[in-house]
Amino acid sequence: LILLTNDGDFAFEMTHPKFYKEKVYEVELDRDLE
């Protein structure tokens, strides 16, 4: 998922740390995680 917009304020609110937007990822590693 990538978001695209022509709304600069929206982009700022989605990316600045003070607004705390969680991002969720599926991750696969090359070996078992201890």
Full PDB file with SEQRES, HELIX, SHEET, SSBOND, CRYST1, ORIGX, SCALE, CONECT and MASTER records, all heavy atoms in Angstrom:
SEQRES   1 A   34  LEU ILE LEU LEU THR ASN ASP GLY ASP PHE ALA PHE GLU          
SEQRES   2 A   34  MET THR HIS PRO LYS PHE TYR LYS GLU LYS VAL TYR GLU          
SEQRES   3 A   34  VAL GLU LEU ASP ARG ASP LEU GLU                              
HELIX    1 AA1 GLY A    8  THR A   15  1                                   8    
HELIX    2 AA2 PRO A   17  PHE A   19  5                                   3    
CRYST1    1.000    1.000    1.000  90.00  90.00  90.00 P 1           1          
ORIGX1      1.000000  0.000000  0.000000        0.00000                         
ORIGX2      0.000000  1.000000  0.000000        0.00000                         
ORIGX3      0.000000  0.000000  1.000000        0.00000                         
SCALE1      1.000000  0.000000  0.000000        0.00000                         
SCALE2      0.000000  1.000000  0.000000        0.00000                         
SCALE3      0.000000  0.000000  1.000000        0.00000                         
ATOM      1  N   LEU A   1       0.803  -1.219   0.000  1.00  0.00           N  
ATOM      2  CA  LEU A   1       0.000   0.000   0.000  1.00  0.00           C  
ATOM      3  C   LEU A   1       0.841   1.276   0.000  1.00  0.00           C  
ATOM      4  O   LEU A   1       1.661   1.495   0.879  1.00  0.00           O  
ATOM      5  CB  LEU A   1      -0.922  -0.001   1.220  1.00  0.00           C  
ATOM      6  CG  LEU A   1      -1.822   1.222   1.395  1.00  0.00           C  
ATOM      7  CD1 LEU A   1      -2.772   1.369   0.218  1.00  0.00           C  
ATOM      8  CD2 LEU A   1      -2.615   1.117   2.699  1.00  0.00           C  
ATOM      9  N   ILE A   2       0.608   2.083  -1.017  1.00  0.00           N  
ATOM     10  CA  ILE A   2       1.149   3.440  -1.103  1.00  0.00           C  
ATOM     11  C   ILE A   2      -0.038   4.375  -1.330  1.00  0.00           C  
ATOM     12  O   ILE A   2      -0.912   4.095  -2.163  1.00  0.00           O  
ATOM     13  CB  ILE A   2       2.153   3.580  -2.258  1.00  0.00           C  
ATOM     14  CG1 ILE A   2       3.526   3.072  -1.842  1.00  0.00           C  
ATOM     15  CG2 ILE A   2       2.278   5.018  -2.720  1.00  0.00           C  
ATOM     16  CD1 ILE A   2       4.320   4.030  -0.976  1.00  0.00           C  
ATOM     17  N   LEU A   3      -0.077   5.479  -0.601  1.00  0.00           N  
ATOM     18  CA  LEU A   3      -1.085   6.509  -0.829  1.00  0.00           C  
ATOM     19  C   LEU A   3      -0.465   7.615  -1.666  1.00  0.00           C  
ATOM     20  O   LEU A   3       0.710   7.953  -1.489  1.00  0.00           O  
ATOM     21  CB  LEU A   3      -1.587   7.074   0.495  1.00  0.00           C  
ATOM     22  CG  LEU A   3      -2.239   6.069   1.453  1.00  0.00           C  
ATOM     23  CD1 LEU A   3      -2.534   6.738   2.791  1.00  0.00           C  
ATOM     24  CD2 LEU A   3      -3.512   5.493   0.862  1.00  0.00           C  
ATOM     25  N   LEU A   4      -1.249   8.185  -2.574  1.00  0.00           N  
ATOM     26  CA  LEU A   4      -0.822   9.323  -3.372  1.00  0.00           C  
ATOM     27  C   LEU A   4      -1.887  10.391  -3.304  1.00  0.00           C  
ATOM     28  O   LEU A   4      -3.091  10.092  -3.234  1.00  0.00           O  
ATOM     29  CB  LEU A   4      -0.585   8.943  -4.837  1.00  0.00           C  
ATOM     30  CG  LEU A   4       0.512   7.912  -5.110  1.00  0.00           C  
ATOM     31  CD1 LEU A   4      -0.105   6.535  -5.338  1.00  0.00           C  
ATOM     32  CD2 LEU A   4       1.336   8.303  -6.325  1.00  0.00           C  
ATOM     33  N   THR A   5      -1.456  11.663  -3.325  1.00  0.00           N  
ATOM     34  CA  THR A   5      -2.418  12.753  -3.205  1.00  0.00           C  
ATOM     35  C   THR A   5      -1.832  14.048  -3.747  1.00  0.00           C  
ATOM     36  O   THR A   5      -0.609  14.188  -3.890  1.00  0.00           O  
ATOM     37  CB  THR A   5      -2.832  12.947  -1.727  1.00  0.00           C  
ATOM     38  OG1 THR A   5      -3.873  13.922  -1.645  1.00  0.00           O  
ATOM     39  CG2 THR A   5      -1.649  13.422  -0.895  1.00  0.00           C  
ATOM     40  N   ASN A   6      -2.719  15.009  -4.021  1.00  0.00           N  
ATOM     41  CA  ASN A   6      -2.300  16.369  -4.326  1.00  0.00           C  
ATOM     42  C   ASN A   6      -2.613  17.305  -3.161  1.00  0.00           C  
ATOM     43  O   ASN A   6      -2.581  18.527  -3.304  1.00  0.00           O  
ATOM     44  CB  ASN A   6      -2.987  16.864  -5.606  1.00  0.00           C  
ATOM     45  CG  ASN A   6      -4.516  16.812  -5.514  1.00  0.00           C  
ATOM     46  OD1 ASN A   6      -5.085  16.178  -4.625  1.00  0.00           O  
ATOM     47  ND2 ASN A   6      -5.191  17.467  -6.449  1.00  0.00           N  
ATOM     48  N   ASP A   7      -2.913  16.729  -2.005  1.00  0.00           N  
ATOM     49  CA  ASP A   7      -3.235  17.462  -0.783  1.00  0.00           C  
ATOM     50  C   ASP A   7      -2.018  17.445   0.141  1.00  0.00           C  
ATOM     51  O   ASP A   7      -1.758  16.457   0.821  1.00  0.00           O  
ATOM     52  CB  ASP A   7      -4.450  16.814  -0.108  1.00  0.00           C  
ATOM     53  CG  ASP A   7      -4.916  17.560   1.136  1.00  0.00           C  
ATOM     54  OD1 ASP A   7      -4.167  18.416   1.648  1.00  0.00           O  
ATOM     55  OD2 ASP A   7      -6.028  17.274   1.625  1.00  0.00           O  
ATOM     56  N   GLY A   8      -1.275  18.546   0.165  1.00  0.00           N  
ATOM     57  CA  GLY A   8      -0.054  18.607   0.960  1.00  0.00           C  
ATOM     58  C   GLY A   8      -0.294  18.462   2.450  1.00  0.00           C  
ATOM     59  O   GLY A   8       0.505  17.847   3.155  1.00  0.00           O  
ATOM     60  N   ASP A   9      -1.386  19.043   2.956  1.00  0.00           N  
ATOM     61  CA  ASP A   9      -1.681  18.940   4.381  1.00  0.00           C  
ATOM     62  C   ASP A   9      -1.964  17.494   4.781  1.00  0.00           C  
ATOM     63  O   ASP A   9      -1.538  17.027   5.841  1.00  0.00           O  
ATOM     64  CB  ASP A   9      -2.883  19.823   4.749  1.00  0.00           C  
ATOM     65  CG  ASP A   9      -2.544  21.308   4.718  1.00  0.00           C  
ATOM     66  OD1 ASP A   9      -1.350  21.640   4.837  1.00  0.00           O  
ATOM     67  OD2 ASP A   9      -3.467  22.123   4.572  1.00  0.00           O  
ATOM     68  N   PHE A  10      -2.675  16.767   3.928  1.00  0.00           N  
ATOM     69  CA  PHE A  10      -2.961  15.360   4.199  1.00  0.00           C  
ATOM     70  C   PHE A  10      -1.662  14.558   4.260  1.00  0.00           C  
ATOM     71  O   PHE A  10      -1.467  13.732   5.155  1.00  0.00           O  
ATOM     72  CB  PHE A  10      -3.877  14.802   3.115  1.00  0.00           C  
ATOM     73  CG  PHE A  10      -4.082  13.319   3.169  1.00  0.00           C  
ATOM     74  CD1 PHE A  10      -4.957  12.755   4.087  1.00  0.00           C  
ATOM     75  CD2 PHE A  10      -3.393  12.472   2.305  1.00  0.00           C  
ATOM     76  CE1 PHE A  10      -5.153  11.373   4.135  1.00  0.00           C  
ATOM     77  CE2 PHE A  10      -3.573  11.100   2.344  1.00  0.00           C  
ATOM     78  CZ  PHE A  10      -4.453  10.557   3.264  1.00  0.00           C  
ATOM     79  N   ALA A  11      -0.768  14.793   3.301  1.00  0.00           N  
ATOM     80  CA  ALA A  11       0.507  14.076   3.288  1.00  0.00           C  
ATOM     81  C   ALA A  11       1.293  14.341   4.560  1.00  0.00           C  
ATOM     82  O   ALA A  11       1.887  13.431   5.148  1.00  0.00           O  
ATOM     83  CB  ALA A  11       1.318  14.487   2.060  1.00  0.00           C  
ATOM     84  N   PHE A  12       1.288  15.584   5.019  1.00  0.00           N  
ATOM     85  CA  PHE A  12       1.994  15.937   6.251  1.00  0.00           C  
ATOM     86  C   PHE A  12       1.392  15.228   7.460  1.00  0.00           C  
ATOM     87  O   PHE A  12       2.106  14.651   8.287  1.00  0.00           O  
ATOM     88  CB  PHE A  12       1.947  17.455   6.442  1.00  0.00           C  
ATOM     89  CG  PHE A  12       2.557  17.927   7.737  1.00  0.00           C  
ATOM     90  CD1 PHE A  12       3.932  17.969   7.896  1.00  0.00           C  
ATOM     91  CD2 PHE A  12       1.746  18.326   8.788  1.00  0.00           C  
ATOM     92  CE1 PHE A  12       4.498  18.402   9.090  1.00  0.00           C  
ATOM     93  CE2 PHE A  12       2.298  18.757   9.978  1.00  0.00           C  
ATOM     94  CZ  PHE A  12       3.673  18.791  10.130  1.00  0.00           C  
ATOM     95  N   GLU A  13       0.066  15.243   7.552  1.00  0.00           N  
ATOM     96  CA  GLU A  13      -0.608  14.629   8.694  1.00  0.00           C  
ATOM     97  C   GLU A  13      -0.427  13.115   8.725  1.00  0.00           C  
ATOM     98  O   GLU A  13      -0.437  12.499   9.790  1.00  0.00           O  
ATOM     99  CB  GLU A  13      -2.098  14.978   8.672  1.00  0.00           C  
ATOM    100  CG  GLU A  13      -2.383  16.446   8.941  1.00  0.00           C  
ATOM    101  CD  GLU A  13      -3.833  16.814   8.704  1.00  0.00           C  
ATOM    102  OE1 GLU A  13      -4.630  15.888   8.417  1.00  0.00           O  
ATOM    103  OE2 GLU A  13      -4.176  18.005   8.798  1.00  0.00           O  
ATOM    104  N   MET A  14      -0.244  12.500   7.570  1.00  0.00           N  
ATOM    105  CA  MET A  14      -0.081  11.050   7.517  1.00  0.00           C  
ATOM    106  C   MET A  14       1.350  10.611   7.826  1.00  0.00           C  
ATOM    107  O   MET A  14       1.575   9.452   8.202  1.00  0.00           O  
ATOM    108  CB  MET A  14      -0.483  10.520   6.137  1.00  0.00           C  
ATOM    109  CG  MET A  14      -1.970  10.585   5.843  1.00  0.00           C  
ATOM    110  SD  MET A  14      -2.982   9.551   6.940  1.00  0.00           S  
ATOM    111  CE  MET A  14      -2.445   7.912   6.457  1.00  0.00           C  
ATOM    112  N   THR A  15       2.313  11.507   7.662  1.00  0.00           N  
ATOM    113  CA  THR A  15       3.715  11.095   7.791  1.00  0.00           C  
ATOM    114  C   THR A  15       4.449  11.692   8.974  1.00  0.00           C  
ATOM    115  O   THR A  15       5.456  11.123   9.406  1.00  0.00           O  
ATOM    116  CB  THR A  15       4.487  11.450   6.498  1.00  0.00           C  
ATOM    117  OG1 THR A  15       4.331  12.848   6.210  1.00  0.00           O  
ATOM    118  CG2 THR A  15       3.970  10.635   5.328  1.00  0.00           C  
ATOM    119  N   HIS A  16       3.987  12.807   9.516  1.00  0.00           N  
ATOM    120  CA  HIS A  16       4.724  13.411  10.639  1.00  0.00           C  
ATOM    121  C   HIS A  16       4.527  12.571  11.898  1.00  0.00           C  
ATOM    122  O   HIS A  16       3.408  12.167  12.225  1.00  0.00           O  
ATOM    123  CB  HIS A  16       4.234  14.834  10.892  1.00  0.00           C  
ATOM    124  CG  HIS A  16       5.178  15.634  11.748  1.00  0.00           C  
ATOM    125  ND1 HIS A  16       5.249  15.481  13.114  1.00  0.00           N  
ATOM    126  CD2 HIS A  16       6.115  16.557  11.416  1.00  0.00           C  
ATOM    127  CE1 HIS A  16       6.166  16.293  13.595  1.00  0.00           C  
ATOM    128  NE2 HIS A  16       6.711  16.954  12.588  1.00  0.00           N  
ATOM    129  N   PRO A  17       5.618  12.291  12.627  1.00  0.00           N  
ATOM    130  CA  PRO A  17       5.534  11.409  13.805  1.00  0.00           C  
ATOM    131  C   PRO A  17       4.521  11.851  14.862  1.00  0.00           C  
ATOM    132  O   PRO A  17       3.956  11.008  15.564  1.00  0.00           O  
ATOM    133  CB  PRO A  17       6.968  11.455  14.366  1.00  0.00           C  
ATOM    134  CG  PRO A  17       7.819  11.793  13.194  1.00  0.00           C  
ATOM    135  CD  PRO A  17       7.003  12.706  12.333  1.00  0.00           C  
ATOM    136  N   LYS A  18       4.268  13.153  14.972  1.00  0.00           N  
ATOM    137  CA  LYS A  18       3.375  13.616  16.040  1.00  0.00           C  
ATOM    138  C   LYS A  18       1.930  13.152  15.847  1.00  0.00           C  
ATOM    139  O   LYS A  18       1.138  13.159  16.790  1.00  0.00           O  
ATOM    140  CB  LYS A  18       3.428  15.140  16.168  1.00  0.00           C  
ATOM    141  CG  LYS A  18       2.744  15.912  15.068  1.00  0.00           C  
ATOM    142  CD  LYS A  18       2.821  17.415  15.349  1.00  0.00           C  
ATOM    143  CE  LYS A  18       2.101  18.237  14.296  1.00  0.00           C  
ATOM    144  NZ  LYS A  18       2.177  19.692  14.589  1.00  0.00           N  
ATOM    145  N   PHE A  19       1.577  12.718  14.636  1.00  0.00           N  
ATOM    146  CA  PHE A  19       0.204  12.277  14.378  1.00  0.00           C  
ATOM    147  C   PHE A  19       0.028  10.774  14.584  1.00  0.00           C  
ATOM    148  O   PHE A  19      -1.078  10.261  14.548  1.00  0.00           O  
ATOM    149  CB  PHE A  19      -0.227  12.671  12.958  1.00  0.00           C  
ATOM    150  CG  PHE A  19      -0.338  14.153  12.765  1.00  0.00           C  
ATOM    151  CD1 PHE A  19       0.636  14.838  12.050  1.00  0.00           C  
ATOM    152  CD2 PHE A  19      -1.386  14.868  13.303  1.00  0.00           C  
ATOM    153  CE1 PHE A  19       0.558  16.209  11.867  1.00  0.00           C  
ATOM    154  CE2 PHE A  19      -1.485  16.239  13.133  1.00  0.00           C  
ATOM    155  CZ  PHE A  19      -0.504  16.909  12.407  1.00  0.00           C  
ATOM    156  N   TYR A  20       1.108  10.045  14.774  1.00  0.00           N  
ATOM    157  CA  TYR A  20       1.102   8.631  15.165  1.00  0.00           C  
ATOM    158  C   TYR A  20       0.173   7.791  14.290  1.00  0.00           C  
ATOM    159  O   TYR A  20      -0.882   7.351  14.709  1.00  0.00           O  
ATOM    160  CB  TYR A  20       0.684   8.493  16.635  1.00  0.00           C  
ATOM    161  CG  TYR A  20       0.987   7.121  17.213  1.00  0.00           C  
ATOM    162  CD1 TYR A  20       2.267   6.812  17.672  1.00  0.00           C  
ATOM    163  CD2 TYR A  20       0.002   6.145  17.283  1.00  0.00           C  
ATOM    164  CE1 TYR A  20       2.545   5.551  18.184  1.00  0.00           C  
ATOM    165  CE2 TYR A  20       0.286   4.882  17.794  1.00  0.00           C  
ATOM    166  CZ  TYR A  20       1.550   4.601  18.241  1.00  0.00           C  
ATOM    167  OH  TYR A  20       1.832   3.355  18.737  1.00  0.00           O  
ATOM    168  N   LYS A  21       0.573   7.576  13.051  1.00  0.00           N  
ATOM    169  CA  LYS A  21      -0.184   6.724  12.131  1.00  0.00           C  
ATOM    170  C   LYS A  21       0.476   5.347  12.070  1.00  0.00           C  
ATOM    171  O   LYS A  21       1.633   5.225  11.657  1.00  0.00           O  
ATOM    172  CB  LYS A  21      -0.223   7.335  10.732  1.00  0.00           C  
ATOM    173  CG  LYS A  21      -0.841   8.726  10.667  1.00  0.00           C  
ATOM    174  CD  LYS A  21      -2.310   8.712  11.004  1.00  0.00           C  
ATOM    175  CE  LYS A  21      -2.913  10.101  10.817  1.00  0.00           C  
ATOM    176  NZ  LYS A  21      -4.335  10.139  11.181  1.00  0.00           N  
ATOM    177  N   GLU A  22      -0.234   4.314  12.481  1.00  0.00           N  
ATOM    178  CA  GLU A  22       0.340   2.972  12.450  1.00  0.00           C  
ATOM    179  C   GLU A  22       0.376   2.425  11.023  1.00  0.00           C  
ATOM    180  O   GLU A  22      -0.535   2.636  10.236  1.00  0.00           O  
ATOM    181  CB  GLU A  22      -0.482   2.018  13.329  1.00  0.00           C  
ATOM    182  CG  GLU A  22      -0.247   2.203  14.801  1.00  0.00           C  
ATOM    183  CD  GLU A  22      -0.866   1.088  15.627  1.00  0.00           C  
ATOM    184  OE1 GLU A  22      -1.745   0.379  15.095  1.00  0.00           O  
ATOM    185  OE2 GLU A  22      -0.463   0.914  16.785  1.00  0.00           O  
ATOM    186  N   LYS A  23       1.461   1.699  10.743  1.00  0.00           N  
ATOM    187  CA  LYS A  23       1.609   1.008   9.464  1.00  0.00           C  
ATOM    188  C   LYS A  23       1.822  -0.475   9.748  1.00  0.00           C  
ATOM    189  O   LYS A  23       2.553  -0.824  10.669  1.00  0.00           O  
ATOM    190  CB  LYS A  23       2.788   1.579   8.685  1.00  0.00           C  
ATOM    191  CG  LYS A  23       2.504   2.959   8.100  1.00  0.00           C  
ATOM    192  CD  LYS A  23       3.757   3.693   7.718  1.00  0.00           C  
ATOM    193  CE  LYS A  23       4.388   4.333   8.934  1.00  0.00           C  
ATOM    194  NZ  LYS A  23       5.494   5.231   8.594  1.00  0.00           N  
ATOM    195  N   VAL A  24       1.165  -1.314   8.964  1.00  0.00           N  
ATOM    196  CA  VAL A  24       1.204  -2.761   9.189  1.00  0.00           C  
ATOM    197  C   VAL A  24       1.830  -3.434   7.971  1.00  0.00           C  
ATOM    198  O   VAL A  24       1.444  -3.156   6.831  1.00  0.00           O  
ATOM    199  CB  VAL A  24      -0.201  -3.329   9.445  1.00  0.00           C  
ATOM    200  CG1 VAL A  24      -0.122  -4.826   9.748  1.00  0.00           C  
ATOM    201  CG2 VAL A  24      -0.883  -2.588  10.605  1.00  0.00           C  
ATOM    202  N   TYR A  25       2.784  -4.342   8.238  1.00  0.00           N  
ATOM    203  CA  TYR A  25       3.513  -5.021   7.178  1.00  0.00           C  
ATOM    204  C   TYR A  25       3.491  -6.529   7.388  1.00  0.00           C  
ATOM    205  O   TYR A  25       3.505  -7.002   8.529  1.00  0.00           O  
ATOM    206  CB  TYR A  25       4.982  -4.585   7.153  1.00  0.00           C  
ATOM    207  CG  TYR A  25       5.214  -3.116   6.944  1.00  0.00           C  
ATOM    208  CD1 TYR A  25       5.088  -2.211   8.004  1.00  0.00           C  
ATOM    209  CD2 TYR A  25       5.572  -2.620   5.696  1.00  0.00           C  
ATOM    210  CE1 TYR A  25       5.311  -0.857   7.819  1.00  0.00           C  
ATOM    211  CE2 TYR A  25       5.800  -1.267   5.498  1.00  0.00           C  
ATOM    212  CZ  TYR A  25       5.666  -0.392   6.567  1.00  0.00           C  
ATOM    213  OH  TYR A  25       5.877   0.956   6.388  1.00  0.00           O  
ATOM    214  N   GLU A  26       3.496  -7.261   6.292  1.00  0.00           N  
ATOM    215  CA  GLU A  26       3.770  -8.690   6.321  1.00  0.00           C  
ATOM    216  C   GLU A  26       5.244  -8.872   5.979  1.00  0.00           C  
ATOM    217  O   GLU A  26       5.718  -8.370   4.956  1.00  0.00           O  
ATOM    218  CB  GLU A  26       2.892  -9.426   5.308  1.00  0.00           C  
ATOM    219  CG  GLU A  26       1.410  -9.380   5.652  1.00  0.00           C  
ATOM    220  CD  GLU A  26       0.551 -10.018   4.574  1.00  0.00           C  
ATOM    221  OE1 GLU A  26       1.077 -10.240   3.456  1.00  0.00           O  
ATOM    222  OE2 GLU A  26      -0.623 -10.295   4.846  1.00  0.00           O  
ATOM    223  N   VAL A  27       5.963  -9.585   6.850  1.00  0.00           N  
ATOM    224  CA  VAL A  27       7.409  -9.728   6.694  1.00  0.00           C  
ATOM    225  C   VAL A  27       7.791 -11.201   6.659  1.00  0.00           C  
ATOM    226  O   VAL A  27       7.297 -12.001   7.459  1.00  0.00           O  
ATOM    227  CB  VAL A  27       8.155  -9.030   7.860  1.00  0.00           C  
ATOM    228  CG1 VAL A  27       9.655  -9.281   7.772  1.00  0.00           C  
ATOM    229  CG2 VAL A  27       7.867  -7.539   7.851  1.00  0.00           C  
ATOM    230  N   GLU A  28       8.651 -11.551   5.717  1.00  0.00           N  
ATOM    231  CA  GLU A  28       9.221 -12.891   5.670  1.00  0.00           C  
ATOM    232  C   GLU A  28      10.736 -12.783   5.819  1.00  0.00           C  
ATOM    233  O   GLU A  28      11.373 -11.972   5.132  1.00  0.00           O  
ATOM    234  CB  GLU A  28       8.892 -13.584   4.349  1.00  0.00           C  
ATOM    235  CG  GLU A  28       9.464 -14.993   4.247  1.00  0.00           C  
ATOM    236  CD  GLU A  28       9.185 -15.658   2.911  1.00  0.00           C  
ATOM    237  OE1 GLU A  28       8.372 -15.119   2.125  1.00  0.00           O  
ATOM    238  OE2 GLU A  28       9.791 -16.717   2.654  1.00  0.00           O  
ATOM    239  N   LEU A  29      11.308 -13.596   6.717  1.00  0.00           N  
ATOM    240  CA  LEU A  29      12.745 -13.582   6.967  1.00  0.00           C  
ATOM    241  C   LEU A  29      13.421 -14.766   6.288  1.00  0.00           C  
ATOM    242  O   LEU A  29      12.771 -15.753   5.934  1.00  0.00           O  
ATOM    243  CB  LEU A  29      13.018 -13.625   8.469  1.00  0.00           C  
ATOM    244  CG  LEU A  29      12.402 -12.490   9.301  1.00  0.00           C  
ATOM    245  CD1 LEU A  29      12.684 -12.720  10.783  1.00  0.00           C  
ATOM    246  CD2 LEU A  29      12.922 -11.138   8.854  1.00  0.00           C  
ATOM    247  N   ASP A  30      14.735 -14.671   6.155  1.00  0.00           N  
ATOM    248  CA  ASP A  30      15.480 -15.747   5.500  1.00  0.00           C  
ATOM    249  C   ASP A  30      15.693 -16.949   6.398  1.00  0.00           C  
ATOM    250  O   ASP A  30      16.065 -18.025   5.933  1.00  0.00           O  
ATOM    251  CB  ASP A  30      16.830 -15.223   5.001  1.00  0.00           C  
ATOM    252  CG  ASP A  30      17.737 -14.748   6.131  1.00  0.00           C  
ATOM    253  OD1 ASP A  30      17.218 -14.367   7.204  1.00  0.00           O  
ATOM    254  OD2 ASP A  30      18.974 -14.765   5.947  1.00  0.00           O  
ATOM    255  N   ARG A  31      15.455 -16.809   7.710  1.00  0.00           N  
ATOM    256  CA  ARG A  31      15.584 -17.928   8.644  1.00  0.00           C  
ATOM    257  C   ARG A  31      14.704 -17.668   9.851  1.00  0.00           C  
ATOM    258  O   ARG A  31      14.154 -16.566  10.015  1.00  0.00           O  
ATOM    259  CB  ARG A  31      17.040 -18.129   9.069  1.00  0.00           C  
ATOM    260  CG  ARG A  31      17.667 -16.950   9.807  1.00  0.00           C  
ATOM    261  CD  ARG A  31      19.160 -17.170  10.012  1.00  0.00           C  
ATOM    262  NE  ARG A  31      19.794 -16.077  10.719  1.00  0.00           N  
ATOM    263  CZ  ARG A  31      19.901 -15.994  12.046  1.00  0.00           C  
ATOM    264  NH1 ARG A  31      19.371 -16.954  12.812  1.00  0.00           N  
ATOM    265  NH2 ARG A  31      20.506 -14.970  12.619  1.00  0.00           N  
ATOM    266  N   ASP A  32      14.556 -18.663  10.691  1.00  0.00           N  
ATOM    267  CA  ASP A  32      13.679 -18.546  11.861  1.00  0.00           C  
ATOM    268  C   ASP A  32      14.144 -17.431  12.797  1.00  0.00           C  
ATOM    269  O   ASP A  32      15.342 -17.317  13.096  1.00  0.00           O  
ATOM    270  CB  ASP A  32      13.643 -19.865  12.638  1.00  0.00           C  
ATOM    271  CG  ASP A  32      12.880 -20.956  11.906  1.00  0.00           C  
ATOM    272  OD1 ASP A  32      12.319 -20.659  10.833  1.00  0.00           O  
ATOM    273  OD2 ASP A  32      12.851 -22.095  12.404  1.00  0.00           O  
ATOM    274  N   LEU A  33      13.194 -16.654  13.258  1.00  0.00           N  
ATOM    275  CA  LEU A  33      13.491 -15.588  14.209  1.00  0.00           C  
ATOM    276  C   LEU A  33      13.529 -16.159  15.622  1.00  0.00           C  
ATOM    277  O   LEU A  33      12.566 -16.780  16.083  1.00  0.00           O  
ATOM    278  CB  LEU A  33      12.418 -14.492  14.129  1.00  0.00           C  
ATOM    279  CG  LEU A  33      12.561 -13.304  15.085  1.00  0.00           C  
ATOM    280  CD1 LEU A  33      13.832 -12.519  14.783  1.00  0.00           C  
ATOM    281  CD2 LEU A  33      11.336 -12.389  14.990  1.00  0.00           C  
ATOM    282  N   GLU A  34      14.643 -15.947  16.299  1.00  0.00           N  
ATOM    283  CA  GLU A  34      14.771 -16.418  17.669  1.00  0.00           C  
ATOM    284  C   GLU A  34      13.774 -15.686  18.565  1.00  0.00           C  
ATOM    285  O   GLU A  34      13.618 -14.457  18.448  1.00  0.00           O  
ATOM    286  CB  GLU A  34      16.190 -16.182  18.187  1.00  0.00           C  
ATOM    287  CG  GLU A  34      17.278 -16.944  17.442  1.00  0.00           C  
ATOM    288  CD  GLU A  34      17.199 -18.431  17.701  1.00  0.00           C  
ATOM    289  OE1 GLU A  34      16.584 -18.817  18.719  1.00  0.00           O  
ATOM    290  OE2 GLU A  34      17.740 -19.209  16.888  1.00  0.00           O  
TER     291      GLU A  34                                                      
MASTER        0    0    0    2    0    0    0    6  290    1    0    3          
END                                                                             
